[in-house]
Protein backbone atom coordinates (compact mmCIF):
# COMPACT_ATOMS: atom_id res chain seq x y z
CA MET A 1 0.00 0.00 0.00
CA ILE A 2 1.18 3.50 -0.77
CA ASN A 3 1.64 5.73 2.18
CA THR A 4 0.31 9.28 2.13
CA LYS A 5 3.73 10.92 1.84
CA THR A 6 4.49 9.01 -1.37
CA ALA A 7 1.02 9.76 -2.77
CA ILE A 8 1.42 13.49 -2.08
CA THR A 9 4.90 13.45 -3.69
CA ILE A 10 3.54 11.71 -6.80
CA LEU A 11 0.64 14.18 -6.93
CA TRP A 12 2.96 17.20 -6.72
CA PHE A 13 5.33 15.72 -9.30
CA THR A 14 2.42 15.06 -11.69
CA LEU A 15 1.02 18.55 -11.14
CA THR A 16 4.47 20.07 -11.76
CA CYS A 17 4.84 18.08 -15.01
CA VAL A 18 1.38 19.18 -16.21
CA ILE A 19 2.16 22.83 -15.43
CA CYS A 20 5.55 22.62 -17.21
CA PHE A 21 3.99 20.97 -20.26
CA GLY A 22 1.19 23.60 -20.32
CA SER A 23 3.73 26.41 -20.06
CA PHE A 24 5.73 24.90 -22.95
CA VAL A 25 2.64 24.65 -25.17
CA LEU A 26 1.55 28.18 -24.24
CA LYS A 27 5.03 29.55 -24.98
CA ASN A 28 5.00 27.96 -28.45
CA GLN A 29 1.52 29.34 -29.19
CA VAL A 30 2.58 32.84 -28.12
CA HIS A 31 5.70 32.58 -30.30
CA ASP A 32 3.60 31.54 -33.33
CA LEU A 33 1.16 34.39 -32.72
CA GLU A 34 4.04 36.89 -32.45
CA LEU A 35 5.41 35.68 -35.79
CA GLU A 36 1.98 36.04 -37.35
CA LEU A 37 1.65 39.54 -35.89
CA SER A 38 5.01 40.59 -37.30
CA LYS A 39 3.99 39.30 -40.76
CA ILE A 40 0.73 41.23 -40.54
CA ASN A 41 2.57 44.40 -39.51
CA LEU A 42 4.95 44.01 -42.48
CA ASN A 43 1.98 43.60 -44.81
CA ILE A 44 0.38 46.72 -43.33
CA GLN A 45 3.58 48.70 -43.91
CA LYS A 46 3.73 47.48 -47.52
CA ASP A 47 0.09 48.42 -48.04
CA VAL A 48 0.65 51.90 -46.58
CA LYS A 49 3.58 52.44 -48.97
CA THR A 50 1.48 51.19 -51.89
CA ILE A 51 -1.37 53.51 -50.93
CA HIS A 52 1.06 56.42 -50.75
CA VAL A 53 2.35 55.63 -54.26
CA LEU A 54 -1.20 55.23 -55.59
CA LYS A 55 -2.21 58.59 -54.12
CA ALA A 56 0.76 60.24 -55.81
CA GLU A 57 -0.16 58.62 -59.13
CA TRP A 58 -3.79 59.64 -58.71
CA SER A 59 -2.85 63.26 -58.04
CA HIS A 60 -0.70 63.23 -61.19
CA LEU A 61 -3.43 61.62 -63.31
CA ASN A 62 -6.06 63.98 -61.90
CA ASN A 63 -4.07 67.14 -62.62
CA PRO A 64 -6.49 69.66 -64.23
CA SER A 65 -3.97 70.90 -66.80
CA ARG A 66 -3.21 67.34 -67.88
CA LEU A 67 -6.92 66.50 -68.10
CA LYS A 68 -7.56 69.63 -70.15
CA LYS A 69 -4.78 68.69 -72.55
CA LEU A 70 -6.10 65.13 -72.91
CA ALA A 71 -9.64 66.34 -73.44
CA ALA A 72 -8.48 68.73 -76.16
CA GLU A 73 -6.58 65.92 -77.90
CA HIS A 74 -9.18 63.15 -77.71
CA ILE A 75 -12.58 64.84 -77.49
CA SER A 76 -13.69 67.08 -80.30
CA LEU A 77 -16.17 69.31 -78.53
CA ASN A 78 -17.11 72.79 -79.66
CA LYS A 79 -17.19 75.60 -77.17
CA MET A 80 -20.60 76.28 -75.70
CA ARG A 81 -22.55 79.20 -77.14
CA ALA A 82 -24.76 81.45 -75.05
CA GLU A 83 -27.81 80.45 -77.11
CA GLN A 84 -27.47 76.88 -75.87
CA ILE A 85 -28.06 77.83 -72.24
CA ILE A 86 -31.71 77.93 -71.13
CA ASN A 87 -33.56 77.91 -67.84
CA TYR A 88 -35.29 74.84 -66.51
CA SER A 89 -38.62 76.62 -66.76
CA ALA A 90 -38.13 77.05 -70.53
CA LEU A 91 -38.01 73.30 -71.17
CA PRO A 92 -41.12 71.93 -72.92
CA PHE A 93 -42.99 69.27 -70.98
CA GLU A 94 -45.71 67.01 -72.36
CA TYR A 95 -48.12 67.78 -69.53
CA GLU A 96 -48.15 71.54 -70.26
CA ASN A 97 -50.74 71.44 -73.04
CA GLY A 98 -54.32 72.17 -72.01
CA ARG A 99 -55.76 68.81 -73.00
CA THR A 100 -53.79 66.85 -70.40
CA ASP A 101 -56.30 67.37 -67.61
CA GLN A 102 -59.17 66.34 -69.85
CA ILE A 103 -57.32 63.23 -71.04
CA MET A 104 -56.28 62.13 -67.57
CA THR A 105 -59.74 62.61 -66.11
CA ALA A 106 -61.34 60.78 -69.00
CA GLY A 107 -59.71 57.53 -67.87
CA VAL A 108 -57.36 57.08 -70.86
CA ASP A 109 -54.43 54.79 -70.08
CA HIS A 110 -50.80 55.84 -70.39
CA LYS A 111 -50.16 54.28 -73.83
CA GLU A 112 -53.16 56.02 -75.36
CA TYR A 113 -52.08 59.29 -73.76
CA LYS A 114 -48.67 59.04 -75.45
CA LYS A 115 -50.38 58.38 -78.81
CA LEU A 116 -52.57 61.45 -78.35
CA VAL A 117 -49.57 63.63 -77.46
CA LYS A 118 -47.71 62.42 -80.56
CA ALA A 119 -50.79 63.07 -82.70
CA GLU A 120 -51.02 66.66 -81.43
CA ARG A 121 -47.48 67.34 -82.51
C-alpha cells in the first residue's frame, strides 16, 4: 500500500509536469502568434507604402492641366454658345398642353395618352 507521503509526492510531481507541459505549449503558441503579428505588420507597412504611391499617381493623373490637354486631344467638342443655355422653366414638358387634364380625367391609359400627345405634334 502506498503511504500518504508518497502519494502526495507523486501528486505534486504530476502537477508540476502538467504545469511545465502547459507552459511549454503556451510559450509555443505565443511565439507563433508573435510571428503572425510581425507578418501582418509588415503587410500593413507594404500596403501603406502602396497607398502612398497610388495617391501620388492619382494626383498626377487627376491634374487639371493634364486632363484639359487630354480632353483637347481626344474629345472634339465645340465651345458652348450662349444660345445653348436655357432655364429649366423654358423646357417643354408634355403635360403643359391644355388637354392633359381632360385626357387624364377621361380615364385614358398611359399608352393612349402618349399616342394622343404624338398626334397633337
